[in-house]
Amino acid sequence: MLAELLRDNGIGYEHIPETGGKNKPKPEDVEWGVNRIIEVASDLRTVMMCSESKPLSDHKTPRANCHRVGMLAPMLRTKGVERIIHILPDGEAIEFDEAEVPSIW
């Protein structure tokens, strides 16, 4: 349904389960998925989605609240991605050094 809704509004969609989330992919699959994100992002404005709406927890010291922050963003930065913008539920956006955020990933 999401893919159809996006397509109807002129937005492309590609599901990349190799990048994790609820499943625990093998490291080589995550590597492939991250490389695929970079490949797509080299040609198109790209958004990564997951089931967590907030990238950071509300703890006194914020922690990665999703695998986009705790796992994917650091890998993307290591591969040269310079700008990652996190969109918040209220529509605001933030940028930060994900490597400085405690993470369970």
PDB file of N, CA and C in Angstrom:
ATOM      1  N   MET A   1       0.810  -1.184   0.000  1.00  0.00           N
ATOM      2  CA  MET A   1       0.000   0.000   0.000  1.00  0.00           C
ATOM      3  C   MET A   1       0.862   1.260   0.000  1.00  0.00           C
ATOM      4  N   LEU A   2       1.935   1.286   0.811  1.00  0.00           N
ATOM      5  CA  LEU A   2       2.809   2.453   0.846  1.00  0.00           C
ATOM      6  C   LEU A   2       3.423   2.703  -0.524  1.00  0.00           C
ATOM      7  N   ALA A   3       3.935   1.660  -1.152  1.00  0.00           N
ATOM      8  CA  ALA A   3       4.556   1.826  -2.467  1.00  0.00           C
ATOM      9  C   ALA A   3       3.561   2.392  -3.477  1.00  0.00           C
ATOM     10  N   GLU A   4       2.324   1.912  -3.440  1.00  0.00           N
ATOM     11  CA  GLU A   4       1.299   2.402  -4.370  1.00  0.00           C
ATOM     12  C   GLU A   4       0.966   3.868  -4.101  1.00  0.00           C
ATOM     13  N   LEU A   5       0.812   4.226  -2.840  1.00  0.00           N
ATOM     14  CA  LEU A   5       0.500   5.612  -2.474  1.00  0.00           C
ATOM     15  C   LEU A   5       1.629   6.548  -2.910  1.00  0.00           C
ATOM     16  N   LEU A   6       2.847   6.148  -2.657  1.00  0.00           N
ATOM     17  CA  LEU A   6       3.981   6.970  -3.075  1.00  0.00           C
ATOM     18  C   LEU A   6       4.035   7.098  -4.598  1.00  0.00           C
ATOM     19  N   ARG A   7       3.886   5.971  -5.293  1.00  0.00           N
ATOM     20  CA  ARG A   7       3.915   5.982  -6.764  1.00  0.00           C
ATOM     21  C   ARG A   7       2.830   6.889  -7.324  1.00  0.00           C
ATOM     22  N   ASP A   8       1.650   6.839  -6.737  1.00  0.00           N
ATOM     23  CA  ASP A   8       0.536   7.689  -7.186  1.00  0.00           C
ATOM     24  C   ASP A   8       0.846   9.172  -7.009  1.00  0.00           C
ATOM     25  N   ASN A   9       1.824   9.480  -6.122  1.00  0.00           N
ATOM     26  CA  ASN A   9       2.206  10.864  -5.877  1.00  0.00           C
ATOM     27  C   ASN A   9       3.568  11.205  -6.481  1.00  0.00           C
ATOM     28  N   GLY A  10       4.021  10.378  -7.418  1.00  0.00           N
ATOM     29  CA  GLY A  10       5.254  10.651  -8.137  1.00  0.00           C
ATOM     30  C   GLY A  10       6.523  10.428  -7.340  1.00  0.00           C
ATOM     31  N   ILE A  11       6.448   9.563  -6.328  1.00  0.00           N
ATOM     32  CA  ILE A  11       7.607   9.288  -5.484  1.00  0.00           C
ATOM     33  C   ILE A  11       7.979   7.812  -5.639  1.00  0.00           C
ATOM     34  N   GLY A  12       9.243   7.555  -5.921  1.00  0.00           N
ATOM     35  CA  GLY A  12       9.719   6.185  -6.047  1.00  0.00           C
ATOM     36  C   GLY A  12       9.877   5.527  -4.689  1.00  0.00           C
ATOM     37  N   TYR A  13       9.903   4.205  -4.683  1.00  0.00           N
ATOM     38  CA  TYR A  13      10.035   3.449  -3.437  1.00  0.00           C
ATOM     39  C   TYR A  13      10.823   2.181  -3.708  1.00  0.00           C
ATOM     40  N   GLU A  14      11.794   1.921  -2.852  1.00  0.00           N
ATOM     41  CA  GLU A  14      12.529   0.662  -2.933  1.00  0.00           C
ATOM     42  C   GLU A  14      12.727   0.132  -1.521  1.00  0.00           C
ATOM     43  N   HIS A  15      12.215  -1.042  -1.255  1.00  0.00           N
ATOM     44  CA  HIS A  15      12.391  -1.675   0.046  1.00  0.00           C
ATOM     45  C   HIS A  15      13.748  -2.368   0.046  1.00  0.00           C
ATOM     46  N   ILE A  16      14.569  -2.074   1.050  1.00  0.00           N
ATOM     47  CA  ILE A  16      15.900  -2.676   1.139  1.00  0.00           C
ATOM     48  C   ILE A  16      16.011  -3.374   2.501  1.00  0.00           C
ATOM     49  N   PRO A  17      15.464  -4.579   2.602  1.00  0.00           N
ATOM     50  CA  PRO A  17      15.468  -5.281   3.891  1.00  0.00           C
ATOM     51  C   PRO A  17      16.869  -5.625   4.376  1.00  0.00           C
ATOM     52  N   GLU A  18      17.840  -5.591   3.486  1.00  0.00           N
ATOM     53  CA  GLU A  18      19.218  -5.898   3.871  1.00  0.00           C
ATOM     54  C   GLU A  18      19.794  -4.873   4.851  1.00  0.00           C
ATOM     55  N   THR A  19      19.128  -3.720   4.975  1.00  0.00           N
ATOM     56  CA  THR A  19      19.645  -2.684   5.880  1.00  0.00           C
ATOM     57  C   THR A  19      19.140  -2.848   7.306  1.00  0.00           C
ATOM     58  N   GLY A  20      18.431  -3.907   7.587  1.00  0.00           N
ATOM     59  CA  GLY A  20      18.064  -4.200   8.963  1.00  0.00           C
ATOM     60  C   GLY A  20      16.693  -3.726   9.362  1.00  0.00           C
ATOM     61  N   GLY A  21      16.600  -3.320  10.603  1.00  0.00           N
ATOM     62  CA  GLY A  21      15.311  -2.951  11.169  1.00  0.00           C
ATOM     63  C   GLY A  21      14.877  -4.053  12.109  1.00  0.00           C
ATOM     64  N   LYS A  22      13.713  -4.587  11.880  1.00  0.00           N
ATOM     65  CA  LYS A  22      13.189  -5.641  12.753  1.00  0.00           C
ATOM     66  C   LYS A  22      13.949  -6.959  12.578  1.00  0.00           C
ATOM     67  N   ASN A  23      14.575  -7.140  11.421  1.00  0.00           N
ATOM     68  CA  ASN A  23      15.347  -8.364  11.211  1.00  0.00           C
ATOM     69  C   ASN A  23      16.823  -8.098  11.500  1.00  0.00           C
ATOM     70  N   LYS A  24      17.614  -9.144  11.604  1.00  0.00           N
ATOM     71  CA  LYS A  24      19.053  -9.028  11.869  1.00  0.00           C
ATOM     72  C   LYS A  24      19.804  -9.604  10.678  1.00  0.00           C
ATOM     73  N   PRO A  25      20.048  -8.779   9.668  1.00  0.00           N
ATOM     74  CA  PRO A  25      20.728  -9.286   8.481  1.00  0.00           C
ATOM     75  C   PRO A  25      22.212  -9.577   8.735  1.00  0.00           C
ATOM     76  N   LYS A  26      22.790 -10.379   7.866  1.00  0.00           N
ATOM     77  CA  LYS A  26      24.214 -10.681   7.935  1.00  0.00           C
ATOM     78  C   LYS A  26      25.006  -9.425   7.571  1.00  0.00           C
ATOM     79  N   PRO A  27      26.210  -9.262   8.136  1.00  0.00           N
ATOM     80  CA  PRO A  27      27.017  -8.070   7.844  1.00  0.00           C
ATOM     81  C   PRO A  27      27.213  -7.801   6.355  1.00  0.00           C
ATOM     82  N   GLU A  28      27.400  -8.847   5.573  1.00  0.00           N
ATOM     83  CA  GLU A  28      27.596  -8.634   4.130  1.00  0.00           C
ATOM     84  C   GLU A  28      26.314  -8.139   3.450  1.00  0.00           C
ATOM     85  N   ASP A  29      25.161  -8.521   3.990  1.00  0.00           N
ATOM     86  CA  ASP A  29      23.892  -8.023   3.452  1.00  0.00           C
ATOM     87  C   ASP A  29      23.694  -6.552   3.808  1.00  0.00           C
ATOM     88  N   VAL A  30      24.061  -6.179   5.049  1.00  0.00           N
ATOM     89  CA  VAL A  30      23.972  -4.771   5.448  1.00  0.00           C
ATOM     90  C   VAL A  30      24.890  -3.937   4.564  1.00  0.00           C
ATOM     91  N   GLU A  31      26.096  -4.431   4.331  1.00  0.00           N
ATOM     92  CA  GLU A  31      27.053  -3.725   3.468  1.00  0.00           C
ATOM     93  C   GLU A  31      26.457  -3.507   2.078  1.00  0.00           C
ATOM     94  N   TRP A  32      25.833  -4.544   1.527  1.00  0.00           N
ATOM     95  CA  TRP A  32      25.202  -4.405   0.214  1.00  0.00           C
ATOM     96  C   TRP A  32      24.091  -3.351   0.268  1.00  0.00           C
ATOM     97  N   GLY A  33      23.264  -3.396   1.312  1.00  0.00           N
ATOM     98  CA  GLY A  33      22.161  -2.457   1.447  1.00  0.00           C
ATOM     99  C   GLY A  33      22.635  -1.016   1.558  1.00  0.00           C
ATOM    100  N   VAL A  34      23.687  -0.789   2.351  1.00  0.00           N
ATOM    101  CA  VAL A  34      24.236   0.563   2.497  1.00  0.00           C
ATOM    102  C   VAL A  34      24.794   1.044   1.159  1.00  0.00           C
ATOM    103  N   ASN A  35      25.471   0.166   0.452  1.00  0.00           N
ATOM    104  CA  ASN A  35      25.980   0.540  -0.874  1.00  0.00           C
ATOM    105  C   ASN A  35      24.838   0.854  -1.836  1.00  0.00           C
ATOM    106  N   ARG A  36      23.731   0.136  -1.715  1.00  0.00           N
ATOM    107  CA  ARG A  36      22.565   0.411  -2.561  1.00  0.00           C
ATOM    108  C   ARG A  36      21.971   1.782  -2.226  1.00  0.00           C
ATOM    109  N   ILE A  37      21.895   2.122  -0.953  1.00  0.00           N
ATOM    110  CA  ILE A  37      21.404   3.449  -0.563  1.00  0.00           C
ATOM    111  C   ILE A  37      22.284   4.532  -1.196  1.00  0.00           C
ATOM    112  N   ILE A  38      23.585   4.353  -1.115  1.00  0.00           N
ATOM    113  CA  ILE A  38      24.509   5.339  -1.684  1.00  0.00           C
ATOM    114  C   ILE A  38      24.330   5.429  -3.194  1.00  0.00           C
ATOM    115  N   GLU A  39      24.148   4.290  -3.844  1.00  0.00           N
ATOM    116  CA  GLU A  39      23.935   4.270  -5.296  1.00  0.00           C
ATOM    117  C   GLU A  39      22.680   5.059  -5.674  1.00  0.00           C
ATOM    118  N   VAL A  40      21.592   4.804  -4.989  1.00  0.00           N
ATOM    119  CA  VAL A  40      20.338   5.511  -5.272  1.00  0.00           C
ATOM    120  C   VAL A  40      20.489   6.999  -4.963  1.00  0.00           C
ATOM    121  N   ALA A  41      21.098   7.305  -3.807  1.00  0.00           N
ATOM    122  CA  ALA A  41      21.235   8.699  -3.375  1.00  0.00           C
ATOM    123  C   ALA A  41      22.172   9.503  -4.271  1.00  0.00           C
ATOM    124  N   SER A  42      23.026   8.830  -5.031  1.00  0.00           N
ATOM    125  CA  SER A  42      23.915   9.568  -5.931  1.00  0.00           C
ATOM    126  C   SER A  42      23.145  10.164  -7.100  1.00  0.00           C
ATOM    127  N   ASP A  43      21.949   9.640  -7.374  1.00  0.00           N
ATOM    128  CA  ASP A  43      21.131  10.128  -8.490  1.00  0.00           C
ATOM    129  C   ASP A  43      19.857  10.845  -8.047  1.00  0.00           C
ATOM    130  N   LEU A  44      19.348  10.524  -6.850  1.00  0.00           N
ATOM    131  CA  LEU A  44      18.038  11.024  -6.426  1.00  0.00           C
ATOM    132  C   LEU A  44      18.058  11.456  -4.970  1.00  0.00           C
ATOM    133  N   ARG A  45      17.235  12.442  -4.636  1.00  0.00           N
ATOM    134  CA  ARG A  45      17.024  12.768  -3.227  1.00  0.00           C
ATOM    135  C   ARG A  45      16.444  11.519  -2.581  1.00  0.00           C
ATOM    136  N   THR A  46      17.004  11.119  -1.460  1.00  0.00           N
ATOM    137  CA  THR A  46      16.677   9.823  -0.875  1.00  0.00           C
ATOM    138  C   THR A  46      16.253   9.965   0.577  1.00  0.00           C
ATOM    139  N   VAL A  47      15.250   9.191   0.964  1.00  0.00           N
ATOM    140  CA  VAL A  47      14.757   9.163   2.338  1.00  0.00           C
ATOM    141  C   VAL A  47      14.797   7.719   2.825  1.00  0.00           C
ATOM    142  N   MET A  48      15.290   7.524   4.054  1.00  0.00           N
ATOM    143  CA  MET A  48      15.253   6.202   4.671  1.00  0.00           C
ATOM    144  C   MET A  48      14.146   6.236   5.720  1.00  0.00           C
ATOM    145  N   MET A  49      13.324   5.222   5.708  1.00  0.00           N
ATOM    146  CA  MET A  49      12.229   5.139   6.671  1.00  0.00           C
ATOM    147  C   MET A  49      12.405   3.906   7.544  1.00  0.00           C
ATOM    148  N   CYS A  50      11.883   4.002   8.755  1.00  0.00           N
ATOM    149  CA  CYS A  50      11.781   2.818   9.604  1.00  0.00           C
ATOM    150  C   CYS A  50      10.579   3.010  10.516  1.00  0.00           C
ATOM    151  N   SER A  51      10.315   2.050  11.362  1.00  0.00           N
ATOM    152  CA  SER A  51       9.110   2.120  12.193  1.00  0.00           C
ATOM    153  C   SER A  51       9.247   3.093  13.361  1.00  0.00           C
ATOM    154  N   GLU A  52      10.461   3.528  13.679  1.00  0.00           N
ATOM    155  CA  GLU A  52      10.656   4.501  14.755  1.00  0.00           C
ATOM    156  C   GLU A  52      10.542   5.902  14.174  1.00  0.00           C
ATOM    157  N   SER A  53       9.671   6.711  14.730  1.00  0.00           N
ATOM    158  CA  SER A  53       9.487   8.056  14.179  1.00  0.00           C
ATOM    159  C   SER A  53      10.533   9.038  14.688  1.00  0.00           C
ATOM    160  N   LYS A  54      11.064   8.813  15.871  1.00  0.00           N
ATOM    161  CA  LYS A  54      12.028   9.738  16.449  1.00  0.00           C
ATOM    162  C   LYS A  54      13.430   9.133  16.413  1.00  0.00           C
ATOM    163  N   PRO A  55      14.406   9.842  15.841  1.00  0.00           N
ATOM    164  CA  PRO A  55      15.748   9.277  15.749  1.00  0.00           C
ATOM    165  C   PRO A  55      16.475   9.185  17.091  1.00  0.00           C
ATOM    166  N   LEU A  56      16.084  10.046  18.057  1.00  0.00           N
ATOM    167  CA  LEU A  56      16.734  10.042  19.363  1.00  0.00           C
ATOM    168  C   LEU A  56      15.717   9.802  20.470  1.00  0.00           C
ATOM    169  N   SER A  57      16.165   9.132  21.529  1.00  0.00           N
ATOM    170  CA  SER A  57      15.297   8.884  22.679  1.00  0.00           C
ATOM    171  C   SER A  57      15.146  10.168  23.501  1.00  0.00           C
ATOM    172  N   ASP A  58      14.231  10.145  24.444  1.00  0.00           N
ATOM    173  CA  ASP A  58      14.003  11.287  25.318  1.00  0.00           C
ATOM    174  C   ASP A  58      14.797  11.193  26.623  1.00  0.00           C
ATOM    175  N   HIS A  59      15.779  10.324  26.691  1.00  0.00           N
ATOM    176  CA  HIS A  59      16.584  10.177  27.902  1.00  0.00           C
ATOM    177  C   HIS A  59      17.380  11.450  28.186  1.00  0.00           C
ATOM    178  N   LYS A  60      17.866  11.576  29.429  1.00  0.00           N
ATOM    179  CA  LYS A  60      18.692  12.725  29.806  1.00  0.00           C
ATOM    180  C   LYS A  60      19.857  12.865  28.832  1.00  0.00           C
ATOM    181  N   THR A  61      20.521  11.762  28.543  1.00  0.00           N
ATOM    182  CA  THR A  61      21.517  11.708  27.484  1.00  0.00           C
ATOM    183  C   THR A  61      20.868  10.963  26.329  1.00  0.00           C
ATOM    184  N   PRO A  62      20.456  11.676  25.274  1.00  0.00           N
ATOM    185  CA  PRO A  62      19.750  11.014  24.167  1.00  0.00           C
ATOM    186  C   PRO A  62      20.548   9.849  23.580  1.00  0.00           C
ATOM    187  N   ARG A  63      19.833   8.789  23.224  1.00  0.00           N
ATOM    188  CA  ARG A  63      20.430   7.606  22.592  1.00  0.00           C
ATOM    189  C   ARG A  63      19.783   7.386  21.242  1.00  0.00           C
ATOM    190  N   ALA A  64      20.466   6.621  20.418  1.00  0.00           N
ATOM    191  CA  ALA A  64      19.886   6.249  19.127  1.00  0.00           C
ATOM    192  C   ALA A  64      18.591   5.504  19.396  1.00  0.00           C
ATOM    193  N   ASN A  65      17.519   5.974  18.802  1.00  0.00           N
ATOM    194  CA  ASN A  65      16.216   5.361  19.016  1.00  0.00           C
ATOM    195  C   ASN A  65      15.854   4.422  17.873  1.00  0.00           C
ATOM    196  N   CYS A  66      16.688   4.377  16.855  1.00  0.00           N
ATOM    197  CA  CYS A  66      16.409   3.514  15.714  1.00  0.00           C
ATOM    198  C   CYS A  66      17.719   3.119  15.036  1.00  0.00           C
ATOM    199  N   HIS A  67      17.645   2.135  14.172  1.00  0.00           N
ATOM    200  CA  HIS A  67      18.857   1.661  13.512  1.00  0.00           C
ATOM    201  C   HIS A  67      19.364   2.622  12.442  1.00  0.00           C
ATOM    202  N   ARG A  68      18.526   3.559  12.003  1.00  0.00           N
ATOM    203  CA  ARG A  68      19.012   4.574  11.052  1.00  0.00           C
ATOM    204  C   ARG A  68      20.126   5.384  11.690  1.00  0.00           C
ATOM    205  N   VAL A  69      19.941   5.767  12.955  1.00  0.00           N
ATOM    206  CA  VAL A  69      20.937   6.570  13.668  1.00  0.00           C
ATOM    207  C   VAL A  69      22.061   5.689  14.196  1.00  0.00           C
ATOM    208  N   GLY A  70      21.698   4.587  14.834  1.00  0.00           N
ATOM    209  CA  GLY A  70      22.684   3.755  15.505  1.00  0.00           C
ATOM    210  C   GLY A  70      23.535   2.881  14.613  1.00  0.00           C
ATOM    211  N   MET A  71      23.064   2.564  13.434  1.00  0.00           N
ATOM    212  CA  MET A  71      23.800   1.646  12.573  1.00  0.00           C
ATOM    213  C   MET A  71      24.038   2.218  11.179  1.00  0.00           C
ATOM    214  N   LEU A  72      22.984   2.641  10.495  1.00  0.00           N
ATOM    215  CA  LEU A  72      23.124   3.027   9.091  1.00  0.00           C
ATOM    216  C   LEU A  72      23.851   4.355   8.890  1.00  0.00           C
ATOM    217  N   ALA A  73      23.498   5.384   9.651  1.00  0.00           N
ATOM    218  CA  ALA A  73      24.130   6.692   9.450  1.00  0.00           C
ATOM    219  C   ALA A  73      25.644   6.632   9.643  1.00  0.00           C
ATOM    220  N   PRO A  74      26.161   5.991  10.707  1.00  0.00           N
ATOM    221  CA  PRO A  74      27.622   5.903  10.826  1.00  0.00           C
ATOM    222  C   PRO A  74      28.273   5.163   9.647  1.00  0.00           C
ATOM    223  N   MET A  75      27.618   4.119   9.162  1.00  0.00           N
ATOM    224  CA  MET A  75      28.168   3.393   8.008  1.00  0.00           C
ATOM    225  C   MET A  75      28.165   4.278   6.768  1.00  0.00           C
ATOM    226  N   LEU A  76      27.082   5.030   6.571  1.00  0.00           N
ATOM    227  CA  LEU A  76      26.999   5.921   5.414  1.00  0.00           C
ATOM    228  C   LEU A  76      28.069   7.006   5.501  1.00  0.00           C
ATOM    229  N   ARG A  77      28.279   7.557   6.678  1.00  0.00           N
ATOM    230  CA  ARG A  77      29.306   8.597   6.847  1.00  0.00           C
ATOM    231  C   ARG A  77      30.695   8.040   6.579  1.00  0.00           C
ATOM    232  N   THR A  78      30.956   6.812   7.028  1.00  0.00           N
ATOM    233  CA  THR A  78      32.252   6.172   6.772  1.00  0.00           C
ATOM    234  C   THR A  78      32.509   6.039   5.279  1.00  0.00           C
ATOM    235  N   LYS A  79      31.433   5.893   4.512  1.00  0.00           N
ATOM    236  CA  LYS A  79      31.552   5.742   3.057  1.00  0.00           C
ATOM    237  C   LYS A  79      31.475   7.090   2.329  1.00  0.00           C
ATOM    238  N   GLY A  80      31.533   8.201   3.076  1.00  0.00           N
ATOM    239  CA  GLY A  80      31.622   9.506   2.447  1.00  0.00           C
ATOM    240  C   GLY A  80      30.359  10.336   2.378  1.00  0.00           C
ATOM    241  N   VAL A  81      29.245   9.823   2.896  1.00  0.00           N
ATOM    242  CA  VAL A  81      28.018  10.625   2.898  1.00  0.00           C
ATOM    243  C   VAL A  81      28.197  11.732   3.927  1.00  0.00           C
ATOM    244  N   GLU A  82      28.109  12.976   3.480  1.00  0.00           N
ATOM    245  CA  GLU A  82      28.388  14.106   4.361  1.00  0.00           C
ATOM    246  C   GLU A  82      27.161  14.656   5.065  1.00  0.00           C
ATOM    247  N   ARG A  83      26.027  14.574   4.429  1.00  0.00           N
ATOM    248  CA  ARG A  83      24.849  15.231   4.998  1.00  0.00           C
ATOM    249  C   ARG A  83      23.717  14.229   5.199  1.00  0.00           C
ATOM    250  N   ILE A  84      23.301  14.103   6.446  1.00  0.00           N
ATOM    251  CA  ILE A  84      22.157  13.260   6.801  1.00  0.00           C
ATOM    252  C   ILE A  84      21.241  14.124   7.652  1.00  0.00           C
ATOM    253  N   ILE A  85      20.029  14.304   7.190  1.00  0.00           N
ATOM    254  CA  ILE A  85      19.051  15.135   7.876  1.00  0.00           C
ATOM    255  C   ILE A  85      17.988  14.211   8.461  1.00  0.00           C
ATOM    256  N   HIS A  86      17.718  14.372   9.742  1.00  0.00           N
ATOM    257  CA  HIS A  86      16.719  13.553  10.424  1.00  0.00           C
ATOM    258  C   HIS A  86      15.433  14.364  10.542  1.00  0.00           C
ATOM    259  N   ILE A  87      14.351  13.852   9.969  1.00  0.00           N
ATOM    260  CA  ILE A  87      13.055  14.528  10.010  1.00  0.00           C
ATOM    261  C   ILE A  87      12.291  14.030  11.238  1.00  0.00           C
ATOM    262  N   LEU A  88      11.838  14.970  12.043  1.00  0.00           N
ATOM    263  CA  LEU A  88      11.132  14.642  13.282  1.00  0.00           C
ATOM    264  C   LEU A  88       9.627  14.557  13.053  1.00  0.00           C
ATOM    265  N   PRO A  89       8.898  13.922  13.971  1.00  0.00           N
ATOM    266  CA  PRO A  89       7.450  13.768  13.795  1.00  0.00           C
ATOM    267  C   PRO A  89       6.703  15.092  13.590  1.00  0.00           C
ATOM    268  N   ASP A  90       7.224  16.181  14.156  1.00  0.00           N
ATOM    269  CA  ASP A  90       6.544  17.478  14.018  1.00  0.00           C
ATOM    270  C   ASP A  90       6.914  18.212  12.728  1.00  0.00           C
ATOM    271  N   GLY A  91       7.727  17.575  11.883  1.00  0.00           N
ATOM    272  CA  GLY A  91       8.126  18.180  10.617  1.00  0.00           C
ATOM    273  C   GLY A  91       9.439  18.929  10.683  1.00  0.00           C
ATOM    274  N   GLU A  92       9.947  19.160  11.887  1.00  0.00           N
ATOM    275  CA  GLU A  92      11.242  19.810  12.033  1.00  0.00           C
ATOM    276  C   GLU A  92      12.335  18.830  11.590  1.00  0.00           C
ATOM    277  N   ALA A  93      13.522  19.353  11.356  1.00  0.00           N
ATOM    278  CA  ALA A  93      14.641  18.524  10.945  1.00  0.00           C
ATOM    279  C   ALA A  93      15.874  18.878  11.773  1.00  0.00           C
ATOM    280  N   ILE A  94      16.689  17.863  12.052  1.00  0.00           N
ATOM    281  CA  ILE A  94      17.928  18.094  12.788  1.00  0.00           C
ATOM    282  C   ILE A  94      19.067  17.356  12.112  1.00  0.00           C
ATOM    283  N   GLU A  95      20.253  17.867  12.319  1.00  0.00           N
ATOM    284  CA  GLU A  95      21.473  17.201  11.883  1.00  0.00           C
ATOM    285  C   GLU A  95      22.395  17.121  13.092  1.00  0.00           C
ATOM    286  N   PHE A  96      23.106  16.020  13.243  1.00  0.00           N
ATOM    287  CA  PHE A  96      24.035  15.847  14.355  1.00  0.00           C
ATOM    288  C   PHE A  96      25.032  14.763  13.983  1.00  0.00           C
ATOM    289  N   ASP A  97      26.065  14.631  14.786  1.00  0.00           N
ATOM    290  CA  ASP A  97      27.072  13.594  14.572  1.00  0.00           C
ATOM    291  C   ASP A  97      26.574  12.310  15.227  1.00  0.00           C
ATOM    292  N   GLU A  98      26.075  11.397  14.428  1.00  0.00           N
ATOM    293  CA  GLU A  98      25.499  10.156  14.950  1.00  0.00           C
ATOM    294  C   GLU A  98      26.522   9.322  15.720  1.00  0.00           C
ATOM    295  N   ALA A  99      27.806   9.473  15.409  1.00  0.00           N
ATOM    296  CA  ALA A  99      28.839   8.718  16.106  1.00  0.00           C
ATOM    297  C   ALA A  99      28.957   9.138  17.569  1.00  0.00           C
ATOM    298  N   GLU A 100      28.449  10.314  17.923  1.00  0.00           N
ATOM    299  CA  GLU A 100      28.506  10.808  19.295  1.00  0.00           C
ATOM    300  C   GLU A 100      27.329  10.341  20.139  1.00  0.00           C
ATOM    301  N   VAL A 101      26.367   9.648  19.522  1.00  0.00           N
ATOM    302  CA  VAL A 101      25.147   9.225  20.213  1.00  0.00           C
ATOM    303  C   VAL A 101      25.306   7.772  20.655  1.00  0.00           C
ATOM    304  N   PRO A 102      25.108   7.485  21.954  1.00  0.00           N
ATOM    305  CA  PRO A 102      25.166   6.085  22.387  1.00  0.00           C
ATOM    306  C   PRO A 102      24.161   5.234  21.602  1.00  0.00           C
ATOM    307  N   SER A 103      24.577   4.004  21.315  1.00  0.00           N
ATOM    308  CA  SER A 103      23.724   3.143  20.497  1.00  0.00           C
ATOM    309  C   SER A 103      23.864   1.690  20.915  1.00  0.00           C
ATOM    310  N   ILE A 104      22.786   0.929  20.732  1.00  0.00           N
ATOM    311  CA  ILE A 104      22.847  -0.515  21.002  1.00  0.00           C
ATOM    312  C   ILE A 104      23.245  -1.301  19.751  1.00  0.00           C
ATOM    313  N   TRP A 105      23.354  -0.609  18.617  1.00  0.00           N
ATOM    314  CA  TRP A 105      23.677  -1.328  17.387  1.00  0.00           C
ATOM    315  C   TRP A 105      25.144  -1.401  17.236  1.00  0.00           C
TER     316      TRP A 105
END
